Amino acid sequence: MDIRPIAMVHNDFPEKFGLPRQAALLSRIPSLVVFEKEFRDKNALRGIEGFDRLWLIWGFDPVGKGGFSPTVRPPRLGGNIRLGVFATRSPNRPNPLALSCVVLERVEWDTPRGPVLHILGADMTDGSAVYDIKPYLPAADAFPDARCGFAGAAPERSLEVFFAGDTLRLVPEDKRDILREVLRQDPRPAYREGGDYGLSFADMNIRFSVDGDRLTVTEILKKAPDENGLYK
């Protein structure tokens, strides 16, 4: 089977750390879906504006080179219990494919890059490859009474977020609410402890510490773009 990217996702998250573990947990994250040149045909999107949600089939960054492992350690279980890889959503799998249900905010039909999809809630990093797009159908795709094994209900994480000194002024106003929400939901692993952490967001490195239910942003470092104008 020949499979190749049809589009790329672009957003403010160059790294996995800091993204919610499921798209529905942070439905305000904005992203763009920009199609590859050969797929920039408006006809391929005809009727898509009639759907509130879409399924994106996309690709994880390859994890390791050690070959197939039948078990993984889900963070939800503290990283200490092994379960079968096909019973989890771990990115460490034989074919690094992912499935996310996102909100279609709007379609921008005429741009220099062809039609662009504005979506919300994408749990993927900047530059992730999209392999297919399908409409979400509530009558066929939603089963609210289905059992969900070890995953249970969505984790309830809520921290009080504070910005030390004048760090908040370094965050553009249009990105402050999103950053607060990312931090409030606690980006640390499920087996987290107090301590100092950092995450990349847009062109910034956000340094923060956690003490109990209080998260404090201690420092914000602006990143310089590389030769391609990208922030890493």
Protein backbone atom coordinates (compact mmCIF):
# COMPACT_ATOMS: atom_id res chain seq x y z
CA MET A 1 0.00 0.00 0.00
CA ASP A 2 1.35 3.38 -1.00
CA ILE A 3 0.65 5.94 1.71
CA ARG A 4 1.89 9.51 1.62
CA PRO A 5 1.04 12.76 3.40
CA ILE A 6 -1.78 14.84 1.98
CA ALA A 7 -1.26 17.77 4.36
CA MET A 8 0.76 19.15 7.26
CA VAL A 9 -0.44 20.54 10.58
CA HIS A 10 0.94 23.85 11.82
CA ASN A 11 0.53 25.22 15.35
CA ASP A 12 2.44 26.64 18.33
CA PHE A 13 3.70 23.31 19.70
CA PRO A 14 7.07 22.26 18.24
CA GLU A 15 7.43 19.51 20.86
CA LYS A 16 5.19 16.80 22.28
CA PHE A 17 5.64 17.96 25.90
CA GLY A 18 2.86 20.38 26.79
CA LEU A 19 0.22 19.04 24.43
CA PRO A 20 -2.89 17.47 25.99
CA ARG A 21 -2.86 13.68 25.82
CA GLN A 22 -6.23 13.60 24.06
CA ALA A 23 -7.53 16.23 21.65
CA ALA A 24 -10.85 16.70 23.48
CA LEU A 25 -9.07 17.76 26.67
CA LEU A 26 -8.05 21.09 25.19
CA SER A 27 -10.45 22.07 22.44
CA ARG A 28 -9.14 25.63 22.18
CA ILE A 29 -5.76 24.82 20.62
CA PRO A 30 -5.83 26.34 17.11
CA SER A 31 -4.01 24.65 14.26
CA LEU A 32 -3.91 24.89 10.48
CA VAL A 33 -4.14 21.99 8.05
CA VAL A 34 -2.16 23.00 4.95
CA PHE A 35 -2.40 20.64 1.98
CA GLU A 36 0.51 19.42 -0.10
CA LYS A 37 0.63 20.96 -3.58
CA GLU A 38 -0.90 18.03 -5.44
CA PHE A 39 -3.93 18.01 -3.12
CA ARG A 40 -4.73 21.75 -3.15
CA ASP A 41 -7.90 21.19 -5.14
CA LYS A 42 -11.03 22.83 -3.74
CA ASN A 43 -13.12 20.03 -5.22
CA ALA A 44 -11.53 17.57 -2.77
CA LEU A 45 -13.05 19.59 0.09
CA ARG A 46 -16.45 20.23 -1.43
CA GLY A 47 -19.07 19.88 1.35
CA ILE A 48 -16.58 19.70 4.23
CA GLU A 49 -17.84 22.98 5.70
CA GLY A 50 -21.07 21.17 6.62
CA PHE A 51 -19.35 19.16 9.36
CA ASP A 52 -18.49 20.38 12.85
CA ARG A 53 -15.81 17.74 13.44
CA LEU A 54 -13.31 15.77 11.39
CA TRP A 55 -11.21 12.65 11.89
CA LEU A 56 -7.54 13.17 11.08
CA ILE A 57 -5.36 10.16 10.39
CA TRP A 58 -1.83 11.35 10.97
CA GLY A 59 1.67 10.20 11.82
CA PHE A 60 3.58 10.16 15.08
CA ASP A 61 7.26 10.91 14.98
CA PRO A 62 8.99 7.49 14.93
CA VAL A 63 9.81 6.37 18.48
CA GLY A 64 13.09 4.49 18.88
CA LYS A 65 14.70 1.98 16.52
CA GLY A 66 14.61 -1.14 18.64
CA GLY A 67 11.96 -2.92 16.62
CA PHE A 68 8.54 -4.13 17.68
CA SER A 69 7.72 -4.26 21.40
CA PRO A 70 4.43 -6.00 22.28
CA THR A 71 4.03 -4.04 25.53
CA VAL A 72 4.31 -0.40 26.58
CA ARG A 73 4.09 1.56 29.85
CA PRO A 74 1.04 3.91 29.74
CA PRO A 75 1.69 7.20 31.60
CA ARG A 76 -1.88 7.02 32.95
CA LEU A 77 -0.79 4.02 35.05
CA GLY A 78 2.29 5.74 36.38
CA GLY A 79 4.69 4.32 33.81
CA ASN A 80 5.24 1.21 35.93
CA ILE A 81 2.69 -1.24 34.47
CA ARG A 82 3.02 -2.89 31.07
CA LEU A 83 0.04 -3.37 28.77
CA GLY A 84 -0.27 -4.60 25.20
CA VAL A 85 0.59 -1.92 22.67
CA PHE A 86 -2.69 -2.53 20.84
CA ALA A 87 -4.61 -1.88 24.07
CA THR A 88 -3.13 1.62 24.33
CA ARG A 89 -2.69 4.80 22.34
CA SER A 90 1.06 4.81 22.76
CA PRO A 91 3.03 6.35 19.87
CA ASN A 92 5.51 3.46 20.13
CA ARG A 93 3.80 1.08 17.71
CA PRO A 94 4.64 -0.90 14.55
CA ASN A 95 3.06 1.69 12.26
CA PRO A 96 3.21 5.12 13.92
CA LEU A 97 -0.30 6.20 12.89
CA ALA A 98 -2.67 8.24 15.05
CA LEU A 99 -6.35 9.14 14.93
CA SER A 100 -7.72 12.43 16.27
CA CYS A 101 -11.17 13.97 16.24
CA VAL A 102 -10.86 17.74 15.82
CA VAL A 103 -13.23 20.69 15.53
CA LEU A 104 -13.48 22.28 12.10
CA GLU A 105 -13.61 25.97 12.93
CA ARG A 106 -13.68 27.23 9.34
CA VAL A 107 -12.32 26.73 5.84
CA GLU A 108 -10.17 29.43 4.27
CA TRP A 109 -10.69 28.71 0.60
CA ASP A 110 -8.33 31.17 -1.08
CA THR A 111 -4.80 31.46 0.29
CA PRO A 112 -1.34 31.37 -1.34
CA ARG A 113 -1.15 27.77 -0.07
CA GLY A 114 -4.53 26.74 -1.44
CA PRO A 115 -7.52 25.95 0.77
CA VAL A 116 -6.59 25.76 4.45
CA LEU A 117 -8.55 24.15 7.29
CA HIS A 118 -8.67 26.01 10.60
CA ILE A 119 -9.14 23.41 13.32
CA LEU A 120 -9.28 23.29 17.12
CA GLY A 121 -8.15 20.61 19.54
CA ALA A 122 -5.41 18.95 17.51
CA ASP A 123 -3.19 16.88 19.85
CA MET A 124 -0.27 16.92 17.45
CA THR A 125 2.92 18.88 17.07
CA ASP A 126 3.79 21.45 14.46
CA GLY A 127 4.75 19.76 11.19
CA SER A 128 2.81 16.53 11.79
CA ALA A 129 1.89 14.76 8.57
CA VAL A 130 -1.79 14.10 7.82
CA TYR A 131 -2.53 11.01 5.74
CA ASP A 132 -6.32 11.21 5.47
CA ILE A 133 -9.33 13.26 6.55
CA LYS A 134 -12.82 11.91 7.13
CA PRO A 135 -15.98 13.58 8.50
CA TYR A 136 -17.07 12.76 12.04
CA LEU A 137 -20.60 11.29 12.12
CA PRO A 138 -22.20 11.39 15.60
CA ALA A 139 -24.72 8.66 14.81
CA ALA A 140 -21.99 6.25 13.70
CA ASP A 141 -18.90 7.34 15.62
CA ALA A 142 -20.13 8.10 19.16
CA PHE A 143 -20.65 5.32 21.72
CA PRO A 144 -20.77 7.09 25.11
CA ASP A 145 -21.66 3.90 27.02
CA ALA A 146 -18.71 1.87 25.74
CA ARG A 147 -16.24 0.56 28.31
CA CYS A 148 -12.81 2.19 28.21
CA GLY A 149 -10.61 -0.19 30.16
CA PHE A 150 -7.76 1.27 32.19
CA ALA A 151 -8.25 4.73 30.67
CA GLY A 152 -11.43 5.52 32.59
CA ALA A 153 -12.75 9.05 32.56
CA ALA A 154 -10.68 11.97 31.38
CA PRO A 155 -8.14 12.88 34.06
CA GLU A 156 -9.10 15.82 36.23
CA ARG A 157 -6.05 18.06 36.44
CA SER A 158 -6.36 21.64 37.46
CA LEU A 159 -3.54 23.80 38.73
CA GLU A 160 -3.49 27.44 39.76
CA VAL A 161 -1.24 29.24 37.30
CA PHE A 162 0.88 32.23 38.27
CA PHE A 163 3.44 34.26 36.32
CA ALA A 164 6.44 35.45 38.31
CA GLY A 165 7.61 39.04 37.93
CA ASP A 166 6.95 40.47 34.47
CA THR A 167 7.09 37.15 32.60
CA LEU A 168 3.51 37.44 31.36
CA ARG A 169 4.32 40.51 29.27
CA LEU A 170 6.61 38.36 27.12
CA VAL A 171 3.61 36.32 25.94
CA PRO A 172 1.60 37.87 23.07
CA GLU A 173 -1.91 38.75 24.24
CA ASP A 174 -3.57 36.47 21.68
CA LYS A 175 -1.67 33.46 23.07
CA ARG A 176 -2.03 34.04 26.79
CA ASP A 177 -5.34 32.24 27.33
CA ILE A 178 -4.16 29.15 25.45
CA LEU A 179 -0.90 29.01 27.39
CA ARG A 180 -2.75 29.39 30.69
CA GLU A 181 -5.07 26.53 29.77
CA VAL A 182 -2.19 24.26 28.75
CA LEU A 183 -0.45 24.90 32.05
CA ARG A 184 -3.63 24.69 34.12
CA GLN A 185 -4.29 21.17 32.86
CA ASP A 186 -0.81 20.12 34.03
CA PRO A 187 1.51 19.12 31.16
CA ARG A 188 3.63 16.86 33.38
CA PRO A 189 3.46 13.04 33.14
CA ALA A 190 0.74 11.26 35.11
CA TYR A 191 3.37 10.07 37.58
CA ARG A 192 4.47 13.67 38.08
CA GLU A 193 6.11 15.13 41.14
CA GLY A 194 6.94 18.68 42.13
CA GLY A 195 9.95 20.26 40.48
CA ASP A 196 11.13 22.42 37.60
CA TYR A 197 10.02 21.83 34.01
CA GLY A 198 10.05 23.51 30.63
CA LEU A 199 7.97 23.40 27.48
CA SER A 200 8.22 24.95 24.03
CA PHE A 201 5.32 27.13 22.96
CA ALA A 202 5.39 29.21 19.76
CA ASP A 203 8.74 31.05 19.77
CA MET A 204 9.17 30.71 23.55
CA ASN A 205 10.61 28.32 26.06
CA ILE A 206 8.37 28.38 29.13
CA ARG A 207 10.13 27.46 32.37
CA PHE A 208 7.89 26.64 35.33
CA SER A 209 7.87 25.01 38.74
CA VAL A 210 5.11 23.11 40.52
CA ASP A 211 4.42 23.03 44.23
CA GLY A 212 1.26 21.15 45.16
CA ASP A 213 -1.58 22.63 43.10
CA ARG A 214 0.33 25.80 42.29
CA LEU A 215 2.23 26.20 39.02
CA THR A 216 4.49 29.22 38.68
CA VAL A 217 6.02 30.39 35.41
CA THR A 218 9.51 31.38 36.49
CA GLU A 219 11.13 32.37 33.21
CA ILE A 220 10.27 32.82 29.54
CA LEU A 221 13.06 32.65 27.00
CA LYS A 222 12.53 33.86 23.46
CA LYS A 223 13.94 31.49 20.84
CA ALA A 224 15.78 32.64 17.75
CA PRO A 225 14.64 31.22 14.38
CA ASP A 226 16.94 28.87 12.48
CA GLU A 227 18.07 29.39 8.88
CA ASN A 228 14.64 28.21 7.67
CA GLY A 229 12.74 30.61 9.92
CA LEU A 230 11.62 27.79 12.23
CA TYR A 231 11.70 27.77 16.01
CA LYS A 232 13.09 24.62 17.64
